[in-house]
N, C-alpha and C. Protein backbone atom coordinates (compact mmCIF):
# COMPACT_ATOMS: atom_id res chain seq x y z
N MET A 1 -2.75 -20.93 0.37
CA MET A 1 -2.51 -19.26 0.87
C MET A 1 -3.51 -18.48 0.39
N ALA A 2 -3.96 -17.69 1.27
CA ALA A 2 -5.01 -16.74 0.60
C ALA A 2 -4.28 -15.47 0.04
N ALA A 3 -4.83 -14.97 -0.83
CA ALA A 3 -4.48 -13.79 -1.49
C ALA A 3 -4.41 -12.48 -0.81
N ALA A 4 -5.62 -12.67 -0.09
CA ALA A 4 -6.06 -11.25 0.83
C ALA A 4 -5.47 -11.45 2.21
N THR A 5 -5.17 -10.15 2.82
CA THR A 5 -4.70 -10.12 4.01
C THR A 5 -5.60 -9.52 5.03
N ASN A 6 -5.69 -9.79 6.17
CA ASN A 6 -6.64 -9.17 7.01
C ASN A 6 -6.34 -7.74 7.44
N SER A 7 -7.39 -6.93 7.89
CA SER A 7 -6.97 -5.54 8.07
C SER A 7 -5.97 -5.46 9.02
N ALA A 8 -5.51 -6.23 9.88
CA ALA A 8 -4.29 -6.06 10.84
C ALA A 8 -2.89 -6.15 10.15
N SER A 9 -3.01 -6.74 8.92
CA SER A 9 -1.64 -6.61 8.32
C SER A 9 -1.64 -5.82 7.20
N GLU A 10 -2.61 -4.96 6.80
CA GLU A 10 -2.69 -3.97 5.78
C GLU A 10 -1.69 -2.84 6.39
N ASP A 11 -1.02 -2.44 5.43
CA ASP A 11 0.07 -1.38 5.57
C ASP A 11 -0.57 0.21 5.73
N VAL A 12 -0.61 0.58 6.73
CA VAL A 12 -1.08 2.17 6.67
C VAL A 12 -0.56 2.94 5.85
N GLY A 13 -1.34 3.77 5.10
CA GLY A 13 -0.88 4.58 4.00
C GLY A 13 -0.36 3.88 2.68
N LYS A 14 -0.57 2.57 2.44
CA LYS A 14 -0.45 1.78 1.37
C LYS A 14 -1.71 1.49 0.80
N VAL A 15 -1.49 1.18 -0.58
CA VAL A 15 -2.56 0.67 -1.28
C VAL A 15 -2.51 -0.82 -1.95
N PRO A 16 -3.57 -1.36 -2.00
CA PRO A 16 -3.39 -2.90 -2.58
C PRO A 16 -3.42 -2.86 -4.01
N ILE A 17 -2.41 -3.69 -4.50
CA ILE A 17 -2.20 -3.91 -5.88
C ILE A 17 -2.50 -5.59 -6.07
N ILE A 18 -3.36 -5.85 -6.94
CA ILE A 18 -3.58 -7.17 -7.26
C ILE A 18 -2.60 -7.63 -8.28
N GLU A 19 -1.93 -8.74 -8.17
CA GLU A 19 -0.87 -9.24 -9.21
C GLU A 19 -1.39 -10.65 -9.47
N VAL A 20 -0.94 -10.93 -10.83
CA VAL A 20 -1.60 -12.17 -11.23
C VAL A 20 -0.36 -13.00 -11.83
N ALA A 21 -0.17 -14.25 -11.38
CA ALA A 21 1.06 -14.89 -12.19
C ALA A 21 1.03 -14.74 -13.63
N PHE A 22 2.34 -14.70 -14.05
CA PHE A 22 2.32 -14.61 -15.42
C PHE A 22 3.88 -15.67 -15.66
N LYS A 23 3.99 -15.89 -17.24
CA LYS A 23 4.80 -16.60 -17.33
C LYS A 23 6.07 -16.37 -17.01
N ASN A 24 7.37 -17.18 -17.09
CA ASN A 24 8.64 -16.99 -16.57
C ASN A 24 8.78 -16.29 -15.10
N GLY A 25 7.91 -16.69 -14.47
CA GLY A 25 8.08 -16.28 -12.96
C GLY A 25 7.77 -14.82 -12.63
N MET A 26 6.92 -14.25 -13.59
CA MET A 26 6.63 -12.76 -13.47
C MET A 26 5.41 -12.66 -12.98
N TRP A 27 4.91 -11.34 -12.43
CA TRP A 27 3.58 -11.20 -12.22
C TRP A 27 3.17 -10.08 -12.93
N TRP A 28 1.97 -9.94 -13.19
CA TRP A 28 1.28 -8.94 -13.79
C TRP A 28 0.25 -8.09 -12.91
N ALA A 29 0.44 -6.78 -12.65
CA ALA A 29 -0.20 -5.84 -12.04
C ALA A 29 -1.54 -5.34 -12.39
N LEU A 30 -2.45 -5.35 -11.71
CA LEU A 30 -3.70 -4.58 -12.33
C LEU A 30 -3.60 -3.24 -11.97
N PRO A 31 -4.00 -2.42 -12.80
CA PRO A 31 -4.01 -0.96 -12.26
C PRO A 31 -4.46 -0.38 -10.77
N GLN A 32 -3.89 0.42 -10.09
CA GLN A 32 -4.17 1.01 -8.71
C GLN A 32 -5.64 1.04 -8.63
N GLU A 33 -6.52 1.93 -9.46
CA GLU A 33 -7.78 2.00 -9.29
C GLU A 33 -8.83 0.76 -9.20
N MET A 34 -8.36 -0.08 -10.25
CA MET A 34 -8.94 -1.35 -10.40
C MET A 34 -8.64 -2.36 -9.23
N SER A 35 -7.33 -2.48 -8.76
CA SER A 35 -7.28 -3.22 -7.61
C SER A 35 -7.82 -2.76 -6.56
N GLN A 36 -7.89 -1.42 -6.11
CA GLN A 36 -8.66 -1.06 -5.00
C GLN A 36 -9.99 -1.25 -5.15
N GLY A 37 -10.69 -1.24 -6.39
CA GLY A 37 -12.09 -1.25 -6.14
C GLY A 37 -12.33 -2.88 -6.07
N LEU A 38 -11.82 -3.56 -6.60
CA LEU A 38 -11.73 -5.08 -6.40
C LEU A 38 -11.69 -5.60 -4.97
N TYR A 39 -10.52 -5.12 -4.42
CA TYR A 39 -10.16 -5.43 -3.04
C TYR A 39 -11.26 -4.95 -2.12
N ASP A 40 -11.95 -3.57 -2.26
CA ASP A 40 -13.09 -3.17 -1.66
C ASP A 40 -14.34 -3.87 -1.56
N LYS A 41 -14.52 -4.61 -2.70
CA LYS A 41 -15.54 -5.37 -2.89
C LYS A 41 -15.37 -6.57 -2.15
N TYR A 42 -14.21 -7.11 -2.24
CA TYR A 42 -14.00 -8.28 -1.26
C TYR A 42 -14.02 -8.10 0.24
N ARG A 43 -13.61 -6.93 0.86
CA ARG A 43 -13.65 -6.50 1.98
C ARG A 43 -14.99 -6.23 2.59
N ALA A 44 -15.99 -5.83 1.44
CA ALA A 44 -17.41 -5.55 1.83
C ALA A 44 -18.08 -6.76 1.83
N GLY A 45 -17.65 -8.26 1.73
CA GLY A 45 -18.22 -9.44 1.77
C GLY A 45 -18.75 -9.87 0.25
N GLU A 46 -18.77 -9.13 -0.66
CA GLU A 46 -19.09 -9.62 -2.10
C GLU A 46 -18.76 -10.75 -2.55
N GLU A 47 -19.57 -11.61 -3.43
CA GLU A 47 -19.23 -12.62 -3.77
C GLU A 47 -19.11 -12.43 -5.20
N ASP A 48 -18.64 -13.39 -6.24
CA ASP A 48 -18.39 -13.36 -7.51
C ASP A 48 -17.85 -11.88 -8.10
N ILE A 49 -16.63 -11.74 -7.35
CA ILE A 49 -15.83 -10.28 -7.77
C ILE A 49 -15.06 -10.75 -9.11
N GLY A 50 -15.32 -9.97 -10.19
CA GLY A 50 -14.81 -10.10 -11.31
C GLY A 50 -14.37 -8.61 -12.10
N TYR A 51 -13.63 -8.98 -13.23
CA TYR A 51 -13.39 -7.92 -13.88
C TYR A 51 -13.26 -8.33 -15.34
N THR A 52 -13.30 -7.33 -16.43
CA THR A 52 -13.08 -7.74 -17.76
C THR A 52 -11.70 -6.76 -18.12
N TRP A 53 -10.96 -7.52 -19.03
CA TRP A 53 -9.68 -6.88 -19.69
C TRP A 53 -9.85 -6.84 -21.11
N ASP A 54 -9.67 -5.74 -21.68
CA ASP A 54 -9.93 -5.50 -23.22
C ASP A 54 -8.23 -5.39 -23.68
N TRP A 55 -7.91 -6.11 -24.58
CA TRP A 55 -6.73 -6.13 -25.17
C TRP A 55 -6.56 -5.03 -26.17
N GLY A 56 -7.56 -4.31 -26.63
CA GLY A 56 -7.53 -3.69 -27.62
C GLY A 56 -6.85 -4.43 -29.10
N THR A 57 -6.17 -3.87 -29.56
CA THR A 57 -5.39 -4.42 -30.78
C THR A 57 -4.14 -5.19 -30.48
N GLU A 58 -3.88 -5.51 -29.24
CA GLU A 58 -2.66 -6.25 -28.97
C GLU A 58 -2.94 -7.48 -28.94
N ARG A 59 -4.01 -8.31 -28.77
CA ARG A 59 -4.12 -9.71 -29.07
C ARG A 59 -5.71 -10.14 -28.82
N SER A 60 -6.08 -11.14 -29.29
CA SER A 60 -7.46 -11.55 -29.13
C SER A 60 -7.71 -12.07 -27.60
N GLY A 61 -9.19 -11.78 -27.27
CA GLY A 61 -9.64 -12.13 -26.12
C GLY A 61 -10.11 -13.70 -26.29
N SER A 62 -10.56 -13.96 -24.86
CA SER A 62 -11.14 -15.46 -24.81
C SER A 62 -12.35 -15.59 -24.94
N TRP A 63 -13.14 -14.22 -24.53
CA TRP A 63 -14.40 -14.09 -24.88
C TRP A 63 -14.98 -13.80 -26.25
N LYS A 64 -16.16 -15.02 -26.54
CA LYS A 64 -16.52 -14.47 -28.09
C LYS A 64 -18.20 -14.16 -28.04
N LEU A 65 -18.45 -13.21 -29.01
CA LEU A 65 -19.90 -12.81 -28.85
C LEU A 65 -20.17 -13.25 -30.18
N ASP A 66 -21.25 -13.96 -29.92
CA ASP A 66 -22.02 -14.79 -30.96
C ASP A 66 -20.87 -15.38 -32.10
N ASP A 67 -19.89 -16.24 -31.39
CA ASP A 67 -18.98 -17.04 -32.16
C ASP A 67 -17.93 -16.01 -32.76
N GLU A 68 -17.94 -14.82 -32.59
CA GLU A 68 -16.87 -13.90 -33.10
C GLU A 68 -15.92 -13.54 -32.15
N GLU A 69 -14.58 -13.37 -32.41
CA GLU A 69 -13.65 -13.10 -31.71
C GLU A 69 -13.73 -11.95 -31.21
N THR A 70 -13.46 -11.45 -29.74
CA THR A 70 -13.27 -10.10 -29.27
C THR A 70 -11.74 -9.98 -28.62
N SER A 71 -11.58 -8.71 -28.22
CA SER A 71 -10.13 -8.61 -27.67
C SER A 71 -10.35 -8.53 -26.20
N ILE A 72 -11.53 -9.20 -25.58
CA ILE A 72 -11.93 -9.28 -24.08
C ILE A 72 -11.56 -10.55 -23.58
N ASN A 73 -11.14 -10.37 -22.11
CA ASN A 73 -11.03 -11.49 -21.31
C ASN A 73 -11.97 -11.07 -20.09
N ARG A 74 -12.64 -12.13 -19.54
CA ARG A 74 -13.44 -11.98 -18.18
C ARG A 74 -12.76 -13.02 -17.24
N TYR A 75 -12.54 -12.27 -16.14
CA TYR A 75 -12.29 -13.01 -14.87
C TYR A 75 -12.86 -12.86 -13.73
N LEU A 76 -12.72 -13.90 -12.70
CA LEU A 76 -13.43 -14.00 -11.28
C LEU A 76 -12.27 -14.19 -10.37
N LEU A 77 -12.34 -13.48 -9.49
CA LEU A 77 -11.23 -13.43 -8.34
C LEU A 77 -11.71 -14.26 -6.93
N ASP A 78 -10.85 -15.12 -6.60
CA ASP A 78 -11.12 -15.92 -5.28
C ASP A 78 -9.99 -15.46 -4.51
N PHE A 79 -10.41 -14.40 -3.64
CA PHE A 79 -9.34 -13.88 -2.66
C PHE A 79 -8.98 -14.71 -1.71
N GLU A 80 -9.82 -15.76 -1.27
CA GLU A 80 -9.47 -16.53 -0.14
C GLU A 80 -8.50 -17.76 -0.79
N ALA A 81 -8.71 -18.36 -2.01
CA ALA A 81 -7.88 -19.28 -2.52
C ALA A 81 -6.65 -18.83 -3.10
N GLY A 82 -6.58 -17.24 -3.41
CA GLY A 82 -5.68 -16.75 -4.29
C GLY A 82 -5.63 -17.18 -5.65
N ILE A 83 -6.84 -17.33 -6.14
CA ILE A 83 -6.89 -17.77 -7.73
C ILE A 83 -7.52 -16.63 -8.53
N GLN A 84 -7.19 -16.51 -9.70
CA GLN A 84 -7.94 -15.78 -10.77
C GLN A 84 -8.50 -16.97 -11.74
N ARG A 85 -9.69 -16.75 -12.20
CA ARG A 85 -10.17 -17.73 -13.15
C ARG A 85 -10.90 -17.05 -14.32
N ASN A 86 -10.30 -17.53 -15.43
CA ASN A 86 -10.86 -16.88 -16.70
C ASN A 86 -12.28 -17.52 -16.94
N ILE A 87 -13.25 -16.91 -17.10
CA ILE A 87 -14.70 -17.32 -17.11
C ILE A 87 -14.89 -18.02 -18.25
N ASP A 88 -14.23 -17.61 -19.35
CA ASP A 88 -14.57 -18.36 -20.66
C ASP A 88 -13.79 -19.59 -20.99
N ASN A 89 -12.58 -19.87 -20.60
CA ASN A 89 -11.64 -21.04 -20.84
C ASN A 89 -11.07 -21.75 -19.70
N ASN A 90 -11.89 -21.15 -18.52
CA ASN A 90 -11.54 -21.76 -17.15
C ASN A 90 -10.06 -21.92 -16.89
N ARG A 91 -8.98 -21.13 -17.36
CA ARG A 91 -7.75 -21.20 -16.93
C ARG A 91 -7.43 -20.64 -15.41
N HIS A 92 -6.80 -21.18 -14.67
CA HIS A 92 -6.73 -20.45 -13.53
C HIS A 92 -5.17 -19.84 -13.37
N ARG A 93 -5.07 -18.78 -12.65
CA ARG A 93 -3.69 -18.45 -12.36
C ARG A 93 -3.53 -17.81 -10.85
N THR A 94 -2.50 -18.10 -10.39
CA THR A 94 -2.34 -17.54 -8.88
C THR A 94 -2.37 -16.03 -8.80
N MET A 95 -2.87 -15.54 -7.84
CA MET A 95 -2.92 -14.17 -7.60
C MET A 95 -2.46 -13.74 -6.13
N ARG A 96 -2.10 -12.47 -6.12
CA ARG A 96 -1.56 -12.23 -4.79
C ARG A 96 -1.74 -10.72 -4.46
N ILE A 97 -1.81 -10.08 -3.33
CA ILE A 97 -1.89 -8.60 -3.13
C ILE A 97 -0.73 -8.09 -2.59
N VAL A 98 -0.47 -7.13 -2.96
CA VAL A 98 0.93 -6.52 -2.60
C VAL A 98 0.55 -4.91 -2.00
N TRP A 99 1.24 -4.51 -1.13
CA TRP A 99 0.71 -3.06 -0.74
C TRP A 99 1.81 -2.17 -0.83
N VAL A 100 1.59 -1.32 -1.79
CA VAL A 100 2.82 -0.32 -1.83
C VAL A 100 2.27 1.03 -1.63
N ASP A 101 3.16 2.06 -1.63
CA ASP A 101 3.19 3.47 -1.52
C ASP A 101 2.32 3.81 -2.77
N PRO A 102 1.33 4.70 -2.50
CA PRO A 102 0.47 5.07 -3.92
C PRO A 102 1.42 6.05 -4.73
N SER A 103 2.31 6.58 -4.16
CA SER A 103 3.21 7.46 -5.17
C SER A 103 4.00 6.43 -6.06
N THR A 104 4.13 5.22 -5.93
CA THR A 104 5.15 4.41 -6.78
C THR A 104 4.20 3.42 -7.59
N THR A 105 3.03 3.68 -7.70
CA THR A 105 2.23 2.70 -8.73
C THR A 105 2.08 3.34 -10.10
N THR A 106 2.37 4.35 -10.42
CA THR A 106 2.61 4.90 -11.89
C THR A 106 4.02 5.03 -11.87
N PRO A 107 4.83 4.15 -13.13
CA PRO A 107 6.19 4.33 -13.21
C PRO A 107 6.63 5.73 -13.71
N PRO A 108 7.54 6.29 -13.42
CA PRO A 108 8.02 7.58 -13.98
C PRO A 108 8.41 7.14 -15.45
N TRP A 109 8.42 8.05 -16.38
CA TRP A 109 8.96 7.84 -17.75
C TRP A 109 10.32 8.57 -17.55
N THR A 110 11.63 7.71 -18.24
CA THR A 110 12.70 8.23 -18.07
C THR A 110 12.89 9.19 -19.39
N GLY A 111 11.98 8.90 -20.50
CA GLY A 111 12.31 9.46 -21.79
C GLY A 111 13.33 8.56 -22.65
N GLN A 112 13.85 7.41 -22.26
CA GLN A 112 14.80 6.62 -22.96
C GLN A 112 14.05 5.33 -23.53
N ILE A 113 14.35 4.94 -24.59
CA ILE A 113 13.73 3.64 -25.17
C ILE A 113 14.90 2.80 -25.33
N PRO A 114 14.78 1.67 -25.13
CA PRO A 114 15.97 0.68 -24.94
C PRO A 114 15.98 0.48 -26.61
N ASN A 115 17.31 0.28 -26.95
CA ASN A 115 17.66 -0.15 -28.24
C ASN A 115 16.87 -1.32 -28.91
N LYS A 116 16.57 -1.47 -29.97
CA LYS A 116 15.90 -2.56 -30.58
C LYS A 116 17.07 -3.40 -31.22
N ARG A 117 17.02 -4.60 -31.22
CA ARG A 117 17.72 -5.22 -31.87
C ARG A 117 17.58 -5.35 -33.31
N LYS A 118 18.33 -5.13 -34.16
CA LYS A 118 17.86 -5.14 -35.83
C LYS A 118 18.43 -6.52 -36.24
N HIS A 119 17.67 -7.02 -36.82
CA HIS A 119 17.79 -8.58 -37.44
C HIS A 119 18.39 -8.17 -38.88
N THR A 120 19.56 -8.76 -39.21
CA THR A 120 20.37 -8.52 -40.31
C THR A 120 20.45 -10.04 -40.89
N ASP A 121 20.29 -10.14 -42.31
CA ASP A 121 20.40 -11.24 -42.97
C ASP A 121 22.03 -11.39 -43.22
N PRO A 122 22.46 -12.78 -43.07
CA PRO A 122 24.23 -12.93 -43.39
C PRO A 122 24.10 -12.83 -44.86
């Protein structure tokens, strides 16, 4: 199943969001601007469409610079096959495109923070 849809099935007034399969049956969504730019490259017929993701201090990345760890992952997208491939470790993940109202791509902040469970020793 291809990740991309043809222009006839694109929803008027909607924007494409690229989602990548994640563990536990969840999807990880790329930001709206990044999704739109990558999709535009696909529609223009470009090959080797890719992006980098910098995890910052959250985790280590798969790309190494002179054998030194970085926080960066590099990916190529195959819209026809519906696959994202990590360039550095060759991990493949399913990807899809969802069409959403642009007003819903940034979640509104409710001001509430879920209670954290506190670990207590017996």
